[in-house]
């Protein structure tokens, strides 16, 4: 886990579905008010189960404002608040 500048980066590839969810849930619970983005690295070469779980489950999470997909298919960003605005 890398914390800095309002972005938390989690590397969950290689985790099971349940391990990844536990890590992400605890990070969401502990995220400070200065955190505006949680970048989840779930990988993409060994299947899509983690990616699909992150994108479907957390799209409706109370703390997540929106999901952002980057150019890297192995990562998904959870946006907790807008940085500006």
N, C-alpha and C. Protein backbone atom coordinates (compact mmCIF):
# COMPACT_ATOMS: atom_id res chain seq x y z
N UNK A 1 0.85 -1.17 0.00
CA UNK A 1 0.00 0.00 0.00
C UNK A 1 0.89 1.23 0.00
N UNK A 2 0.62 2.13 -0.90
CA UNK A 2 1.38 3.36 -1.03
C UNK A 2 0.44 4.52 -0.75
N UNK A 3 0.75 5.31 0.28
CA UNK A 3 -0.12 6.43 0.62
C UNK A 3 0.66 7.73 0.42
N UNK A 4 0.06 8.66 -0.30
CA UNK A 4 0.68 9.95 -0.49
C UNK A 4 -0.08 10.79 -1.47
N UNK A 5 -0.13 12.08 -1.21
CA UNK A 5 -0.74 13.04 -2.12
C UNK A 5 -2.21 12.76 -2.39
N UNK A 6 -2.93 12.15 -1.43
CA UNK A 6 -4.35 11.89 -1.59
C UNK A 6 -4.70 10.66 -2.39
N UNK A 7 -3.69 9.88 -2.79
CA UNK A 7 -3.92 8.66 -3.57
C UNK A 7 -3.37 7.48 -2.78
N UNK A 8 -4.19 6.44 -2.66
CA UNK A 8 -3.75 5.19 -2.06
C UNK A 8 -3.68 4.17 -3.18
N UNK A 9 -2.58 3.46 -3.26
CA UNK A 9 -2.40 2.43 -4.28
C UNK A 9 -2.34 1.06 -3.61
N UNK A 10 -3.23 0.17 -4.05
CA UNK A 10 -3.28 -1.19 -3.53
C UNK A 10 -2.96 -2.17 -4.63
N UNK A 11 -2.07 -3.09 -4.35
CA UNK A 11 -1.75 -4.15 -5.31
C UNK A 11 -2.38 -5.44 -4.79
N UNK A 12 -3.47 -5.87 -5.43
CA UNK A 12 -4.18 -7.06 -4.98
C UNK A 12 -4.06 -8.22 -5.97
N UNK A 13 -3.31 -8.03 -7.07
CA UNK A 13 -3.24 -9.18 -7.99
C UNK A 13 -2.45 -10.29 -7.32
N UNK A 14 -2.92 -11.49 -7.51
CA UNK A 14 -2.38 -12.64 -6.80
C UNK A 14 -3.19 -12.98 -5.57
N UNK A 15 -4.09 -12.08 -5.14
CA UNK A 15 -4.97 -12.35 -4.01
C UNK A 15 -6.18 -13.13 -4.49
N UNK A 16 -6.84 -13.80 -3.55
CA UNK A 16 -8.13 -14.38 -3.88
C UNK A 16 -9.17 -13.27 -3.89
N UNK A 17 -10.35 -13.59 -4.39
CA UNK A 17 -11.45 -12.63 -4.44
C UNK A 17 -11.75 -12.11 -3.03
N UNK A 18 -11.78 -13.01 -2.05
CA UNK A 18 -12.10 -12.64 -0.66
C UNK A 18 -10.99 -11.81 -0.02
N UNK A 19 -9.74 -12.17 -0.28
CA UNK A 19 -8.61 -11.40 0.27
C UNK A 19 -8.63 -9.98 -0.29
N UNK A 20 -8.83 -9.86 -1.59
CA UNK A 20 -8.85 -8.54 -2.23
C UNK A 20 -9.96 -7.68 -1.66
N UNK A 21 -11.14 -8.26 -1.49
CA UNK A 21 -12.26 -7.49 -0.94
C UNK A 21 -11.97 -7.05 0.48
N UNK A 22 -11.36 -7.89 1.28
CA UNK A 22 -11.03 -7.52 2.66
C UNK A 22 -10.03 -6.37 2.69
N UNK A 23 -9.03 -6.42 1.81
CA UNK A 23 -8.02 -5.35 1.74
C UNK A 23 -8.66 -4.04 1.30
N UNK A 24 -9.47 -4.09 0.27
CA UNK A 24 -10.11 -2.88 -0.26
C UNK A 24 -11.09 -2.31 0.76
N UNK A 25 -11.90 -3.16 1.37
CA UNK A 25 -12.87 -2.69 2.38
C UNK A 25 -12.18 -2.01 3.56
N UNK A 26 -11.11 -2.61 4.05
CA UNK A 26 -10.41 -2.01 5.18
C UNK A 26 -9.76 -0.69 4.79
N UNK A 27 -9.27 -0.60 3.56
CA UNK A 27 -8.66 0.65 3.09
C UNK A 27 -9.72 1.73 2.96
N UNK A 28 -10.87 1.40 2.42
CA UNK A 28 -11.96 2.37 2.33
C UNK A 28 -12.38 2.86 3.71
N UNK A 29 -12.40 1.97 4.67
CA UNK A 29 -12.80 2.32 6.03
C UNK A 29 -11.79 3.27 6.68
N UNK A 30 -10.50 3.05 6.40
CA UNK A 30 -9.44 3.84 7.02
C UNK A 30 -9.06 5.09 6.23
N UNK A 31 -9.59 5.26 5.04
CA UNK A 31 -9.20 6.40 4.20
C UNK A 31 -9.53 7.72 4.88
N UNK A 32 -8.56 8.62 4.89
CA UNK A 32 -8.77 9.92 5.52
C UNK A 32 -9.51 10.85 4.57
N UNK A 33 -9.87 12.01 5.08
CA UNK A 33 -10.58 12.99 4.26
C UNK A 33 -9.71 13.54 3.14
N UNK A 34 -8.39 13.44 3.29
CA UNK A 34 -7.50 13.93 2.23
C UNK A 34 -7.38 12.94 1.08
N UNK A 35 -7.83 11.71 1.28
CA UNK A 35 -7.76 10.69 0.23
C UNK A 35 -8.91 10.91 -0.75
N UNK A 36 -8.56 11.07 -2.01
CA UNK A 36 -9.60 11.26 -3.03
C UNK A 36 -9.63 10.13 -4.05
N UNK A 37 -8.62 9.26 -4.06
CA UNK A 37 -8.55 8.19 -5.05
C UNK A 37 -7.86 6.97 -4.46
N UNK A 38 -8.45 5.80 -4.72
CA UNK A 38 -7.80 4.55 -4.37
C UNK A 38 -7.56 3.80 -5.68
N UNK A 39 -6.30 3.63 -6.01
CA UNK A 39 -5.92 2.93 -7.24
C UNK A 39 -5.69 1.46 -6.90
N UNK A 40 -6.46 0.61 -7.54
CA UNK A 40 -6.38 -0.82 -7.28
C UNK A 40 -5.71 -1.50 -8.47
N UNK A 41 -4.60 -2.14 -8.20
CA UNK A 41 -3.90 -2.90 -9.23
C UNK A 41 -4.32 -4.35 -9.06
N UNK A 42 -5.11 -4.83 -10.00
CA UNK A 42 -5.67 -6.18 -9.92
C UNK A 42 -5.09 -7.11 -10.97
N UNK A 43 -4.33 -6.59 -11.89
CA UNK A 43 -3.76 -7.41 -12.95
C UNK A 43 -4.79 -7.76 -14.00
N UNK A 44 -4.32 -8.29 -15.13
CA UNK A 44 -5.26 -8.65 -16.20
C UNK A 44 -4.82 -9.90 -16.96
N UNK A 45 -3.66 -10.41 -16.69
CA UNK A 45 -3.15 -11.54 -17.46
C UNK A 45 -3.67 -12.90 -17.01
N UNK A 46 -4.06 -13.02 -15.77
CA UNK A 46 -4.50 -14.31 -15.24
C UNK A 46 -6.00 -14.36 -15.00
N UNK A 47 -6.77 -13.79 -15.88
CA UNK A 47 -8.22 -13.80 -15.74
C UNK A 47 -8.76 -12.46 -15.31
N UNK A 48 -10.06 -12.38 -15.26
CA UNK A 48 -10.70 -11.09 -15.00
C UNK A 48 -11.55 -11.09 -13.73
N UNK A 49 -11.44 -12.11 -12.93
CA UNK A 49 -12.30 -12.21 -11.74
C UNK A 49 -12.11 -11.04 -10.78
N UNK A 50 -10.88 -10.68 -10.46
CA UNK A 50 -10.65 -9.55 -9.56
C UNK A 50 -11.10 -8.24 -10.18
N UNK A 51 -10.78 -8.04 -11.44
CA UNK A 51 -11.19 -6.81 -12.14
C UNK A 51 -12.70 -6.67 -12.11
N UNK A 52 -13.40 -7.72 -12.47
CA UNK A 52 -14.86 -7.67 -12.51
C UNK A 52 -15.45 -7.42 -11.13
N UNK A 53 -14.88 -8.04 -10.09
CA UNK A 53 -15.37 -7.82 -8.74
C UNK A 53 -15.20 -6.37 -8.34
N UNK A 54 -14.02 -5.81 -8.58
CA UNK A 54 -13.76 -4.42 -8.20
C UNK A 54 -14.73 -3.49 -8.93
N UNK A 55 -14.87 -3.66 -10.21
CA UNK A 55 -15.68 -2.74 -11.00
C UNK A 55 -17.18 -2.88 -10.73
N UNK A 56 -17.65 -4.06 -10.42
CA UNK A 56 -19.08 -4.25 -10.16
C UNK A 56 -19.44 -3.94 -8.71
N UNK A 57 -18.70 -4.50 -7.78
CA UNK A 57 -19.04 -4.36 -6.37
C UNK A 57 -18.87 -2.92 -5.89
N UNK A 58 -17.75 -2.29 -6.24
CA UNK A 58 -17.46 -0.97 -5.68
C UNK A 58 -18.12 0.17 -6.45
N UNK A 59 -18.72 -0.11 -7.58
CA UNK A 59 -19.48 0.92 -8.31
C UNK A 59 -20.67 1.40 -7.48
N UNK A 60 -21.18 0.55 -6.60
CA UNK A 60 -22.35 0.90 -5.79
C UNK A 60 -22.01 1.09 -4.31
N UNK A 61 -20.74 1.19 -4.00
CA UNK A 61 -20.30 1.37 -2.61
C UNK A 61 -20.60 2.80 -2.16
N UNK A 62 -21.03 2.95 -0.92
CA UNK A 62 -21.44 4.26 -0.39
C UNK A 62 -20.31 5.30 -0.42
N UNK A 63 -19.07 4.89 -0.23
CA UNK A 63 -17.96 5.85 -0.20
C UNK A 63 -17.39 6.15 -1.58
N UNK A 64 -17.74 5.37 -2.57
CA UNK A 64 -17.16 5.53 -3.91
C UNK A 64 -18.11 6.38 -4.76
N UNK A 65 -17.57 7.51 -5.20
CA UNK A 65 -18.37 8.41 -6.03
C UNK A 65 -18.50 7.87 -7.46
N UNK A 66 -17.39 7.34 -7.98
CA UNK A 66 -17.40 6.77 -9.32
C UNK A 66 -16.19 5.89 -9.51
N UNK A 67 -16.24 5.08 -10.57
CA UNK A 67 -15.13 4.21 -10.97
C UNK A 67 -14.48 4.84 -12.19
N UNK A 68 -13.16 4.83 -12.22
CA UNK A 68 -12.43 5.37 -13.37
C UNK A 68 -11.51 4.29 -13.93
N UNK A 69 -11.63 4.05 -15.22
CA UNK A 69 -10.79 3.07 -15.89
C UNK A 69 -9.65 3.81 -16.57
N UNK A 70 -8.44 3.34 -16.37
CA UNK A 70 -7.29 3.98 -16.97
C UNK A 70 -6.88 3.29 -18.26
N UNK A 71 -5.78 3.73 -18.80
CA UNK A 71 -5.24 3.10 -20.00
C UNK A 71 -4.68 1.72 -19.71
N UNK A 72 -4.29 1.49 -18.47
CA UNK A 72 -3.77 0.19 -18.05
C UNK A 72 -4.95 -0.71 -17.70
N UNK A 73 -5.19 -1.80 -18.44
CA UNK A 73 -6.33 -2.66 -18.14
C UNK A 73 -6.19 -3.43 -16.84
N UNK A 74 -5.03 -3.39 -16.22
CA UNK A 74 -4.79 -4.08 -14.97
C UNK A 74 -5.02 -3.24 -13.73
N UNK A 75 -5.62 -2.07 -13.91
CA UNK A 75 -5.90 -1.24 -12.74
C UNK A 75 -7.25 -0.55 -12.87
N UNK A 76 -7.84 -0.27 -11.73
CA UNK A 76 -9.12 0.44 -11.64
C UNK A 76 -8.99 1.45 -10.51
N UNK A 77 -9.47 2.67 -10.73
CA UNK A 77 -9.43 3.70 -9.70
C UNK A 77 -10.81 3.89 -9.11
N UNK A 78 -10.87 3.92 -7.78
CA UNK A 78 -12.09 4.27 -7.07
C UNK A 78 -11.98 5.73 -6.69
N UNK A 79 -12.86 6.56 -7.18
CA UNK A 79 -12.83 7.98 -6.89
C UNK A 79 -13.75 8.24 -5.70
N UNK A 80 -13.18 8.75 -4.61
CA UNK A 80 -13.94 8.99 -3.39
C UNK A 80 -14.51 10.40 -3.34
N UNK A 81 -13.83 11.31 -3.96
CA UNK A 81 -14.30 12.70 -4.07
C UNK A 81 -13.55 13.35 -5.22
N UNK A 82 -14.11 14.43 -5.72
CA UNK A 82 -13.46 15.17 -6.79
C UNK A 82 -12.31 15.98 -6.20
N UNK A 83 -11.20 15.99 -6.87
CA UNK A 83 -10.03 16.73 -6.38
C UNK A 83 -10.29 18.22 -6.41
N UNK A 84 -10.90 18.69 -7.46
CA UNK A 84 -11.21 20.11 -7.60
C UNK A 84 -12.70 20.26 -7.80
N UNK A 85 -13.25 21.31 -7.26
CA UNK A 85 -14.66 21.55 -7.54
C UNK A 85 -15.52 21.68 -6.39
